[in-house]
């Protein structure tokens, strides 16, 4: 079975497939800028460009990748147990909300 046949077979069992693209900074920045101007996620901006249906997110999401070293640094910053990742996550969320509130007051 070749790669295309394997892809077609596995594609039938998957509901969605996330594709990740690496573009030049110029392309990435432009798509993100358009998404922001259109109040869309970058993913929905790409779907719009491709002529695909978009679904408005009920809960717009932001994400960040954290290493174990990042968790250690944040545990110290927030004075939390490094193993209490839920508490660290909540502290991050609280800080981002406070940051946004402060920025919007200016």
PDB file of N, CA and C in Angstrom:
ATOM      1  N   UNK A   1       0.858  -1.170   0.000  1.00  0.00           N
ATOM      2  CA  UNK A   1       0.000   0.000   0.000  1.00  0.00           C
ATOM      3  C   UNK A   1       0.911   1.243   0.000  1.00  0.00           C
ATOM      4  N   UNK A   2       0.688   2.145  -0.963  1.00  0.00           N
ATOM      5  CA  UNK A   2       1.517   3.344  -1.033  1.00  0.00           C
ATOM      6  C   UNK A   2       1.000   4.423  -0.079  1.00  0.00           C
ATOM      7  N   UNK A   3       1.750   5.518   0.010  1.00  0.00           N
ATOM      8  CA  UNK A   3       1.396   6.589   0.940  1.00  0.00           C
ATOM      9  C   UNK A   3       0.024   7.191   0.642  1.00  0.00           C
ATOM     10  N   UNK A   4      -0.298   7.368  -0.649  1.00  0.00           N
ATOM     11  CA  UNK A   4      -1.597   7.954  -1.013  1.00  0.00           C
ATOM     12  C   UNK A   4      -2.734   7.041  -0.568  1.00  0.00           C
ATOM     13  N   UNK A   5      -2.580   5.740  -0.769  1.00  0.00           N
ATOM     14  CA  UNK A   5      -3.622   4.803  -0.348  1.00  0.00           C
ATOM     15  C   UNK A   5      -3.781   4.798   1.165  1.00  0.00           C
ATOM     16  N   UNK A   6      -2.643   4.855   1.873  1.00  0.00           N
ATOM     17  CA  UNK A   6      -2.696   4.908   3.336  1.00  0.00           C
ATOM     18  C   UNK A   6      -3.399   6.182   3.793  1.00  0.00           C
ATOM     19  N   UNK A   7      -3.070   7.301   3.136  1.00  0.00           N
ATOM     20  CA  UNK A   7      -3.698   8.582   3.487  1.00  0.00           C
ATOM     21  C   UNK A   7      -5.207   8.500   3.278  1.00  0.00           C
ATOM     22  N   UNK A   8      -5.626   8.011   2.116  1.00  0.00           N
ATOM     23  CA  UNK A   8      -7.056   7.911   1.813  1.00  0.00           C
ATOM     24  C   UNK A   8      -7.773   7.018   2.810  1.00  0.00           C
ATOM     25  N   UNK A   9      -7.136   5.911   3.186  1.00  0.00           N
ATOM     26  CA  UNK A   9      -7.750   4.990   4.136  1.00  0.00           C
ATOM     27  C   UNK A   9      -7.866   5.640   5.512  1.00  0.00           C
ATOM     28  N   UNK A  10      -6.797   6.286   5.987  1.00  0.00           N
ATOM     29  CA  UNK A  10      -6.837   6.906   7.309  1.00  0.00           C
ATOM     30  C   UNK A  10      -7.706   8.153   7.306  1.00  0.00           C
ATOM     31  N   UNK A  11      -7.781   8.841   6.159  1.00  0.00           N
ATOM     32  CA  UNK A  11      -8.594  10.051   6.060  1.00  0.00           C
ATOM     33  C   UNK A  11     -10.057   9.750   6.340  1.00  0.00           C
ATOM     34  N   UNK A  12     -10.511   8.593   5.933  1.00  0.00           N
ATOM     35  CA  UNK A  12     -11.907   8.219   6.143  1.00  0.00           C
ATOM     36  C   UNK A  12     -12.220   8.045   7.626  1.00  0.00           C
ATOM     37  N   UNK A  13     -11.221   7.676   8.432  1.00  0.00           N
ATOM     38  CA  UNK A  13     -11.459   7.438   9.841  1.00  0.00           C
ATOM     39  C   UNK A  13     -11.313   8.707  10.677  1.00  0.00           C
ATOM     40  N   UNK A  14     -10.743   9.750  10.100  1.00  0.00           N
ATOM     41  CA  UNK A  14     -10.552  10.998  10.832  1.00  0.00           C
ATOM     42  C   UNK A  14     -11.689  11.963  10.557  1.00  0.00           C
ATOM     43  N   UNK A  15     -12.052  12.728  11.581  1.00  0.00           N
ATOM     44  CA  UNK A  15     -13.074  13.747  11.384  1.00  0.00           C
ATOM     45  C   UNK A  15     -12.465  15.008  10.812  1.00  0.00           C
ATOM     46  N   UNK A  16     -11.370  15.472  11.375  1.00  0.00           N
ATOM     47  CA  UNK A  16     -10.672  16.644  10.866  1.00  0.00           C
ATOM     48  C   UNK A  16      -9.175  16.413  10.960  1.00  0.00           C
ATOM     49  N   UNK A  17      -8.450  17.132  10.137  1.00  0.00           N
ATOM     50  CA  UNK A  17      -6.992  17.044  10.128  1.00  0.00           C
ATOM     51  C   UNK A  17      -6.462  18.462  10.237  1.00  0.00           C
ATOM     52  N   UNK A  18      -5.586  18.676  11.190  1.00  0.00           N
ATOM     53  CA  UNK A  18      -4.993  19.999  11.320  1.00  0.00           C
ATOM     54  C   UNK A  18      -3.744  20.050  10.456  1.00  0.00           C
ATOM     55  N   UNK A  19      -3.701  21.038   9.585  1.00  0.00           N
ATOM     56  CA  UNK A  19      -2.535  21.246   8.742  1.00  0.00           C
ATOM     57  C   UNK A  19      -1.748  22.431   9.289  1.00  0.00           C
ATOM     58  N   UNK A  20      -0.451  22.283   9.364  1.00  0.00           N
ATOM     59  CA  UNK A  20       0.421  23.348   9.846  1.00  0.00           C
ATOM     60  C   UNK A  20       1.302  23.789   8.692  1.00  0.00           C
ATOM     61  N   UNK A  21       1.353  25.087   8.470  1.00  0.00           N
ATOM     62  CA  UNK A  21       2.152  25.649   7.392  1.00  0.00           C
ATOM     63  C   UNK A  21       3.214  26.565   7.968  1.00  0.00           C
ATOM     64  N   UNK A  22       4.376  26.558   7.351  1.00  0.00           N
ATOM     65  CA  UNK A  22       5.428  27.497   7.709  1.00  0.00           C
ATOM     66  C   UNK A  22       5.649  28.407   6.515  1.00  0.00           C
ATOM     67  N   UNK A  23       5.342  29.691   6.702  1.00  0.00           N
ATOM     68  CA  UNK A  23       5.477  30.681   5.652  1.00  0.00           C
ATOM     69  C   UNK A  23       6.529  31.703   6.044  1.00  0.00           C
ATOM     70  N   UNK A  24       6.828  32.579   5.130  1.00  0.00           N
ATOM     71  CA  UNK A  24       7.704  33.697   5.465  1.00  0.00           C
ATOM     72  C   UNK A  24       6.981  34.563   6.487  1.00  0.00           C
ATOM     73  N   UNK A  25       7.740  35.379   7.191  1.00  0.00           N
ATOM     74  CA  UNK A  25       7.153  36.282   8.179  1.00  0.00           C
ATOM     75  C   UNK A  25       6.137  37.204   7.526  1.00  0.00           C
ATOM     76  N   UNK A  26       6.420  37.622   6.304  1.00  0.00           N
ATOM     77  CA  UNK A  26       5.533  38.540   5.571  1.00  0.00           C
ATOM     78  C   UNK A  26       4.151  37.914   5.374  1.00  0.00           C
ATOM     79  N   UNK A  27       4.115  36.671   4.922  1.00  0.00           N
ATOM     80  CA  UNK A  27       2.841  35.978   4.668  1.00  0.00           C
ATOM     81  C   UNK A  27       2.098  35.752   5.983  1.00  0.00           C
ATOM     82  N   UNK A  28       2.795  35.240   6.988  1.00  0.00           N
ATOM     83  CA  UNK A  28       2.160  34.973   8.285  1.00  0.00           C
ATOM     84  C   UNK A  28       1.607  36.243   8.906  1.00  0.00           C
ATOM     85  N   UNK A  29       2.404  37.308   8.888  1.00  0.00           N
ATOM     86  CA  UNK A  29       1.955  38.579   9.481  1.00  0.00           C
ATOM     87  C   UNK A  29       0.733  39.128   8.755  1.00  0.00           C
ATOM     88  N   UNK A  30       0.736  39.030   7.429  1.00  0.00           N
ATOM     89  CA  UNK A  30      -0.384  39.576   6.658  1.00  0.00           C
ATOM     90  C   UNK A  30      -1.676  38.818   6.947  1.00  0.00           C
ATOM     91  N   UNK A  31      -1.602  37.505   6.988  1.00  0.00           N
ATOM     92  CA  UNK A  31      -2.798  36.698   7.265  1.00  0.00           C
ATOM     93  C   UNK A  31      -3.287  36.967   8.683  1.00  0.00           C
ATOM     94  N   UNK A  32      -2.383  37.047   9.640  1.00  0.00           N
ATOM     95  CA  UNK A  32      -2.783  37.346  11.025  1.00  0.00           C
ATOM     96  C   UNK A  32      -3.399  38.739  11.129  1.00  0.00           C
ATOM     97  N   UNK A  33      -2.818  39.715  10.409  1.00  0.00           N
ATOM     98  CA  UNK A  33      -3.336  41.072  10.439  1.00  0.00           C
ATOM     99  C   UNK A  33      -4.760  41.106   9.863  1.00  0.00           C
ATOM    100  N   UNK A  34      -4.958  40.432   8.725  1.00  0.00           N
ATOM    101  CA  UNK A  34      -6.300  40.369   8.136  1.00  0.00           C
ATOM    102  C   UNK A  34      -7.279  39.694   9.086  1.00  0.00           C
ATOM    103  N   UNK A  35      -6.847  38.615   9.721  1.00  0.00           N
ATOM    104  CA  UNK A  35      -7.704  37.903  10.662  1.00  0.00           C
ATOM    105  C   UNK A  35      -8.123  38.832  11.791  1.00  0.00           C
ATOM    106  N   UNK A  36      -7.165  39.563  12.317  1.00  0.00           N
ATOM    107  CA  UNK A  36      -7.464  40.493  13.407  1.00  0.00           C
ATOM    108  C   UNK A  36      -8.446  41.570  12.949  1.00  0.00           C
ATOM    109  N   UNK A  37      -8.232  42.130  11.780  1.00  0.00           N
ATOM    110  CA  UNK A  37      -9.125  43.167  11.254  1.00  0.00           C
ATOM    111  C   UNK A  37     -10.536  42.629  11.021  1.00  0.00           C
ATOM    112  N   UNK A  38     -10.639  41.350  10.695  1.00  0.00           N
ATOM    113  CA  UNK A  38     -11.938  40.732  10.421  1.00  0.00           C
ATOM    114  C   UNK A  38     -12.525  40.030  11.646  1.00  0.00           C
ATOM    115  N   UNK A  39     -11.876  40.190  12.793  1.00  0.00           N
ATOM    116  CA  UNK A  39     -12.305  39.527  14.037  1.00  0.00           C
ATOM    117  C   UNK A  39     -12.423  38.019  13.852  1.00  0.00           C
ATOM    118  N   UNK A  40     -11.440  37.453  13.182  1.00  0.00           N
ATOM    119  CA  UNK A  40     -11.398  36.011  12.940  1.00  0.00           C
ATOM    120  C   UNK A  40     -10.119  35.433  13.524  1.00  0.00           C
ATOM    121  N   UNK A  41     -10.126  34.141  13.757  1.00  0.00           N
ATOM    122  CA  UNK A  41      -8.885  33.445  14.085  1.00  0.00           C
ATOM    123  C   UNK A  41      -8.082  33.330  12.797  1.00  0.00           C
ATOM    124  N   UNK A  42      -6.799  33.101  12.925  1.00  0.00           N
ATOM    125  CA  UNK A  42      -5.973  32.901  11.727  1.00  0.00           C
ATOM    126  C   UNK A  42      -6.500  31.714  10.921  1.00  0.00           C
ATOM    127  N   UNK A  43      -6.929  30.685  11.612  1.00  0.00           N
ATOM    128  CA  UNK A  43      -7.483  29.504  10.943  1.00  0.00           C
ATOM    129  C   UNK A  43      -8.718  29.867  10.119  1.00  0.00           C
ATOM    130  N   UNK A  44      -9.630  30.649  10.705  1.00  0.00           N
ATOM    131  CA  UNK A  44     -10.825  31.044   9.956  1.00  0.00           C
ATOM    132  C   UNK A  44     -10.495  32.010   8.833  1.00  0.00           C
ATOM    133  N   UNK A  45      -9.462  32.828   8.999  1.00  0.00           N
ATOM    134  CA  UNK A  45      -9.035  33.705   7.902  1.00  0.00           C
ATOM    135  C   UNK A  45      -8.550  32.857   6.730  1.00  0.00           C
ATOM    136  N   UNK A  46      -7.788  31.836   7.015  1.00  0.00           N
ATOM    137  CA  UNK A  46      -7.308  30.932   5.955  1.00  0.00           C
ATOM    138  C   UNK A  46      -8.501  30.247   5.290  1.00  0.00           C
ATOM    139  N   UNK A  47      -9.472  29.781   6.078  1.00  0.00           N
ATOM    140  CA  UNK A  47     -10.671  29.149   5.510  1.00  0.00           C
ATOM    141  C   UNK A  47     -11.411  30.126   4.611  1.00  0.00           C
ATOM    142  N   UNK A  48     -11.483  31.405   5.002  1.00  0.00           N
ATOM    143  CA  UNK A  48     -12.133  32.430   4.179  1.00  0.00           C
ATOM    144  C   UNK A  48     -11.387  32.598   2.861  1.00  0.00           C
ATOM    145  N   UNK A  49     -10.082  32.694   2.929  1.00  0.00           N
ATOM    146  CA  UNK A  49      -9.265  32.833   1.713  1.00  0.00           C
ATOM    147  C   UNK A  49      -9.488  31.655   0.783  1.00  0.00           C
ATOM    148  N   UNK A  50      -9.629  30.464   1.351  1.00  0.00           N
ATOM    149  CA  UNK A  50      -9.813  29.242   0.552  1.00  0.00           C
ATOM    150  C   UNK A  50     -11.258  29.023   0.119  1.00  0.00           C
ATOM    151  N   UNK A  51     -12.159  29.907   0.547  1.00  0.00           N
ATOM    152  CA  UNK A  51     -13.561  29.776   0.165  1.00  0.00           C
ATOM    153  C   UNK A  51     -14.296  28.699   0.933  1.00  0.00           C
ATOM    154  N   UNK A  52     -13.796  28.366   2.118  1.00  0.00           N
ATOM    155  CA  UNK A  52     -14.441  27.344   2.942  1.00  0.00           C
ATOM    156  C   UNK A  52     -15.335  27.996   3.986  1.00  0.00           C
ATOM    157  N   UNK A  53     -16.326  27.256   4.429  1.00  0.00           N
ATOM    158  CA  UNK A  53     -17.247  27.733   5.457  1.00  0.00           C
ATOM    159  C   UNK A  53     -16.487  27.917   6.770  1.00  0.00           C
ATOM    160  N   UNK A  54     -16.849  28.967   7.486  1.00  0.00           N
ATOM    161  CA  UNK A  54     -16.252  29.167   8.805  1.00  0.00           C
ATOM    162  C   UNK A  54     -17.342  29.121   9.854  1.00  0.00           C
ATOM    163  N   UNK A  55     -16.952  28.710  11.034  1.00  0.00           N
ATOM    164  CA  UNK A  55     -17.862  28.707  12.166  1.00  0.00           C
ATOM    165  C   UNK A  55     -17.312  29.708  13.161  1.00  0.00           C
ATOM    166  N   UNK A  56     -18.168  30.625  13.592  1.00  0.00           N
ATOM    167  CA  UNK A  56     -17.731  31.579  14.595  1.00  0.00           C
ATOM    168  C   UNK A  56     -17.510  30.832  15.902  1.00  0.00           C
ATOM    169  N   UNK A  57     -16.382  31.069  16.494  1.00  0.00           N
ATOM    170  CA  UNK A  57     -16.029  30.422  17.750  1.00  0.00           C
ATOM    171  C   UNK A  57     -16.897  30.963  18.875  1.00  0.00           C
ATOM    172  N   UNK A  58     -17.418  30.064  19.661  1.00  0.00           N
ATOM    173  CA  UNK A  58     -18.193  30.494  20.820  1.00  0.00           C
ATOM    174  C   UNK A  58     -17.269  31.032  21.900  1.00  0.00           C
ATOM    175  N   UNK A  59     -16.077  30.452  21.958  1.00  0.00           N
ATOM    176  CA  UNK A  59     -15.081  30.886  22.929  1.00  0.00           C
ATOM    177  C   UNK A  59     -13.765  31.088  22.202  1.00  0.00           C
ATOM    178  N   UNK A  60     -13.479  32.319  21.816  1.00  0.00           N
ATOM    179  CA  UNK A  60     -12.191  32.552  21.149  1.00  0.00           C
ATOM    180  C   UNK A  60     -11.049  32.101  22.058  1.00  0.00           C
ATOM    181  N   UNK A  61     -10.076  31.441  21.475  1.00  0.00           N
ATOM    182  CA  UNK A  61      -8.997  30.856  22.261  1.00  0.00           C
ATOM    183  C   UNK A  61      -7.653  31.467  21.900  1.00  0.00           C
ATOM    184  N   UNK A  62      -6.823  31.543  22.886  1.00  0.00           N
ATOM    185  CA  UNK A  62      -5.428  31.879  22.705  1.00  0.00           C
ATOM    186  C   UNK A  62      -4.633  30.720  23.286  1.00  0.00           C
ATOM    187  N   UNK A  63      -3.471  30.470  22.741  1.00  0.00           N
ATOM    188  CA  UNK A  63      -2.680  29.365  23.263  1.00  0.00           C
ATOM    189  C   UNK A  63      -1.222  29.773  23.382  1.00  0.00           C
ATOM    190  N   UNK A  64      -0.540  29.070  24.241  1.00  0.00           N
ATOM    191  CA  UNK A  64       0.893  29.249  24.418  1.00  0.00           C
ATOM    192  C   UNK A  64       1.469  27.880  24.767  1.00  0.00           C
ATOM    193  N   UNK A  65       2.638  27.583  24.252  1.00  0.00           N
ATOM    194  CA  UNK A  65       3.308  26.327  24.579  1.00  0.00           C
ATOM    195  C   UNK A  65       4.276  26.583  25.727  1.00  0.00           C
ATOM    196  N   UNK A  66       4.209  25.735  26.734  1.00  0.00           N
ATOM    197  CA  UNK A  66       5.073  25.896  27.904  1.00  0.00           C
ATOM    198  C   UNK A  66       5.917  24.652  28.124  1.00  0.00           C
ATOM    199  N   UNK A  67       7.198  24.866  28.343  1.00  0.00           N
ATOM    200  CA  UNK A  67       8.105  23.765  28.675  1.00  0.00           C
ATOM    201  C   UNK A  67       8.096  23.562  30.192  1.00  0.00           C
ATOM    202  N   UNK A  68       8.714  22.504  30.641  1.00  0.00           N
ATOM    203  CA  UNK A  68       8.824  22.281  32.085  1.00  0.00           C
ATOM    204  C   UNK A  68       9.593  23.426  32.735  1.00  0.00           C
ATOM    205  N   UNK A  69      10.598  23.945  32.045  1.00  0.00           N
ATOM    206  CA  UNK A  69      11.357  25.088  32.560  1.00  0.00           C
ATOM    207  C   UNK A  69      10.441  26.309  32.693  1.00  0.00           C
ATOM    208  N   UNK A  70       9.554  26.519  31.718  1.00  0.00           N
ATOM    209  CA  UNK A  70       8.592  27.625  31.790  1.00  0.00           C
ATOM    210  C   UNK A  70       7.694  27.465  33.019  1.00  0.00           C
ATOM    211  N   UNK A  71       7.209  26.239  33.254  1.00  0.00           N
ATOM    212  CA  UNK A  71       6.362  25.994  34.421  1.00  0.00           C
ATOM    213  C   UNK A  71       7.117  26.295  35.712  1.00  0.00           C
ATOM    214  N   UNK A  72       8.398  25.915  35.757  1.00  0.00           N
ATOM    215  CA  UNK A  72       9.201  26.193  36.947  1.00  0.00           C
ATOM    216  C   UNK A  72       9.318  27.697  37.173  1.00  0.00           C
ATOM    217  N   UNK A  73       9.594  28.431  36.107  1.00  0.00           N
ATOM    218  CA  UNK A  73       9.724  29.884  36.213  1.00  0.00           C
ATOM    219  C   UNK A  73       8.402  30.524  36.643  1.00  0.00           C
ATOM    220  N   UNK A  74       7.307  30.054  36.074  1.00  0.00           N
ATOM    221  CA  UNK A  74       5.994  30.610  36.416  1.00  0.00           C
ATOM    222  C   UNK A  74       5.579  30.245  37.843  1.00  0.00           C
ATOM    223  N   UNK A  75       5.931  29.046  38.286  1.00  0.00           N
ATOM    224  CA  UNK A  75       5.621  28.646  39.661  1.00  0.00           C
ATOM    225  C   UNK A  75       6.295  29.593  40.643  1.00  0.00           C
ATOM    226  N   UNK A  76       7.523  29.961  40.362  1.00  0.00           N
ATOM    227  CA  UNK A  76       8.231  30.928  41.208  1.00  0.00           C
ATOM    228  C   UNK A  76       7.553  32.290  41.114  1.00  0.00           C
ATOM    229  N   UNK A  77       7.245  32.719  39.911  1.00  0.00           N
ATOM    230  CA  UNK A  77       6.608  34.026  39.698  1.00  0.00           C
ATOM    231  C   UNK A  77       5.302  34.154  40.475  1.00  0.00           C
ATOM    232  N   UNK A  78       4.484  33.102  40.426  1.00  0.00           N
ATOM    233  CA  UNK A  78       3.165  33.135  41.060  1.00  0.00           C
ATOM    234  C   UNK A  78       3.165  32.542  42.468  1.00  0.00           C
ATOM    235  N   UNK A  79       4.337  32.103  42.938  1.00  0.00           N
ATOM    236  CA  UNK A  79       4.482  31.492  44.261  1.00  0.00           C
ATOM    237  C   UNK A  79       3.544  30.296  44.414  1.00  0.00           C
ATOM    238  N   UNK A  80       3.608  29.402  43.412  1.00  0.00           N
ATOM    239  CA  UNK A  80       2.769  28.204  43.396  1.00  0.00           C
ATOM    240  C   UNK A  80       3.650  26.957  43.298  1.00  0.00           C
ATOM    241  N   UNK A  81       3.060  25.829  43.619  1.00  0.00           N
ATOM    242  CA  UNK A  81       3.750  24.552  43.468  1.00  0.00           C
ATOM    243  C   UNK A  81       3.922  24.260  41.983  1.00  0.00           C
ATOM    244  N   UNK A  82       5.121  23.918  41.579  1.00  0.00           N
ATOM    245  CA  UNK A  82       5.412  23.672  40.161  1.00  0.00           C
ATOM    246  C   UNK A  82       4.567  22.534  39.591  1.00  0.00           C
ATOM    247  N   UNK A  83       4.104  21.637  40.447  1.00  0.00           N
ATOM    248  CA  UNK A  83       3.300  20.496  39.983  1.00  0.00           C
ATOM    249  C   UNK A  83       1.815  20.832  39.864  1.00  0.00           C
ATOM    250  N   UNK A  84       1.419  21.993  40.371  1.00  0.00           N
ATOM    251  CA  UNK A  84       0.013  22.395  40.301  1.00  0.00           C
ATOM    252  C   UNK A  84      -0.213  23.191  39.016  1.00  0.00           C
ATOM    253  N   UNK A  85      -0.218  22.470  37.911  1.00  0.00           N
ATOM    254  CA  UNK A  85      -0.318  23.116  36.601  1.00  0.00           C
ATOM    255  C   UNK A  85      -1.659  23.823  36.405  1.00  0.00           C
ATOM    256  N   UNK A  86      -2.715  23.327  37.029  1.00  0.00           N
ATOM    257  CA  UNK A  86      -4.013  23.997  36.925  1.00  0.00           C
ATOM    258  C   UNK A  86      -3.945  25.378  37.583  1.00  0.00           C
ATOM    259  N   UNK A  87      -3.334  25.466  38.747  1.00  0.00           N
ATOM    260  CA  UNK A  87      -3.210  26.757  39.437  1.00  0.00           C
ATOM    261  C   UNK A  87      -2.340  27.715  38.636  1.00  0.00           C
ATOM    262  N   UNK A  88      -1.278  27.202  38.033  1.00  0.00           N
ATOM    263  CA  UNK A  88      -0.415  28.038  37.197  1.00  0.00           C
ATOM    264  C   UNK A  88      -1.203  28.529  35.987  1.00  0.00           C
ATOM    265  N   UNK A  89      -1.970  27.644  35.390  1.00  0.00           N
ATOM    266  CA  UNK A  89      -2.808  28.027  34.236  1.00  0.00           C
ATOM    267  C   UNK A  89      -3.777  29.137  34.630  1.00  0.00           C
ATOM    268  N   UNK A  90      -4.402  28.997  35.790  1.00  0.00           N
ATOM    269  CA  UNK A  90      -5.354  30.006  36.249  1.00  0.00           C
ATOM    270  C   UNK A  90      -4.649  31.332  36.527  1.00  0.00           C
ATOM    271  N   UNK A  91      -3.456  31.283  37.091  1.00  0.00           N
ATOM    272  CA  UNK A  91      -2.699  32.505  37.362  1.00  0.00           C
ATOM    273  C   UNK A  91      -2.324  33.212  36.062  1.00  0.00           C
ATOM    274  N   UNK A  92      -1.971  32.433  35.052  1.00  0.00           N
ATOM    275  CA  UNK A  92      -1.670  33.010  33.733  1.00  0.00           C
ATOM    276  C   UNK A  92      -2.914  33.708  33.191  1.00  0.00           C
ATOM    277  N   UNK A  93      -4.056  33.020  33.242  1.00  0.00           N
ATOM    278  CA  UNK A  93      -5.307  33.596  32.732  1.00  0.00           C
ATOM    279  C   UNK A  93      -5.633  34.893  33.464  1.00  0.00           C
ATOM    280  N   UNK A  94      -5.487  34.872  34.784  1.00  0.00           N
ATOM    281  CA  UNK A  94      -5.773  36.081  35.569  1.00  0.00           C
ATOM    282  C   UNK A  94      -4.850  37.227  35.165  1.00  0.00           C
ATOM    283  N   UNK A  95      -3.576  36.921  34.969  1.00  0.00           N
ATOM    284  CA  UNK A  95      -2.625  37.966  34.577  1.00  0.00           C
ATOM    285  C   UNK A  95      -2.958  38.527  33.201  1.00  0.00           C
ATOM    286  N   UNK A  96      -3.331  37.670  32.269  1.00  0.00           N
ATOM    287  CA  UNK A  96      -3.670  38.142  30.919  1.00  0.00           C
ATOM    288  C   UNK A  96      -4.928  39.008  30.928  1.00  0.00           C
ATOM    289  N   UNK A  97      -5.901  38.646  31.753  1.00  0.00           N
ATOM    290  CA  UNK A  97      -7.115  39.466  31.879  1.00  0.00           C
ATOM    291  C   UNK A  97      -6.767  40.824  32.475  1.00  0.00           C
ATOM    292  N   UNK A  98      -5.961  40.824  33.527  1.00  0.00           N
ATOM    293  CA  UNK A  98      -5.556  42.081  34.161  1.00  0.00           C
ATOM    294  C   UNK A  98      -4.749  42.943  33.185  1.00  0.00           C
ATOM    295  N   UNK A  99      -3.845  42.308  32.452  1.00  0.00           N
ATOM    296  CA  UNK A  99      -3.041  43.021  31.459  1.00  0.00           C
ATOM    297  C   UNK A  99      -3.943  43.702  30.426  1.00  0.00           C
ATOM    298  N   UNK A 100      -4.912  42.957  29.921  1.00  0.00           N
ATOM    299  CA  UNK A 100      -5.824  43.499  28.908  1.00  0.00           C
ATOM    300  C   UNK A 100      -6.660  44.640  29.479  1.00  0.00           C
ATOM    301  N   UNK A 101      -7.199  44.450  30.674  1.00  0.00           N
ATOM    302  CA  UNK A 101      -7.979  45.507  31.314  1.00  0.00           C
ATOM    303  C   UNK A 101      -7.145  46.774  31.467  1.00  0.00           C
ATOM    304  N   UNK A 102      -5.906  46.643  31.926  1.00  0.00           N
ATOM    305  CA  UNK A 102      -5.021  47.808  32.098  1.00  0.00           C
ATOM    306  C   UNK A 102      -4.708  48.480  30.763  1.00  0.00           C
ATOM    307  N   UNK A 103      -4.451  47.691  29.737  1.00  0.00           N
ATOM    308  CA  UNK A 103      -4.124  48.240  28.425  1.00  0.00           C
ATOM    309  C   UNK A 103      -5.313  48.992  27.827  1.00  0.00           C
ATOM    310  N   UNK A 104      -6.509  48.467  28.022  1.00  0.00           N
ATOM    311  CA  UNK A 104      -7.701  49.092  27.432  1.00  0.00           C
ATOM    312  C   UNK A 104      -8.114  50.360  28.159  1.00  0.00           C
ATOM    313  N   UNK A 105      -7.657  50.527  29.390  1.00  0.00           N
ATOM    314  CA  UNK A 105      -7.963  51.747  30.150  1.00  0.00           C
ATOM    315  C   UNK A 105      -7.127  52.925  29.670  1.00  0.00           C
ATOM    316  N   UNK A 106      -6.026  52.643  29.019  1.00  0.00           N
ATOM    317  CA  UNK A 106      -5.100  53.708  28.588  1.00  0.00           C
ATOM    318  C   UNK A 106      -5.618  54.467  27.403  1.00  0.00           C
TER     319      UNK A 106
END
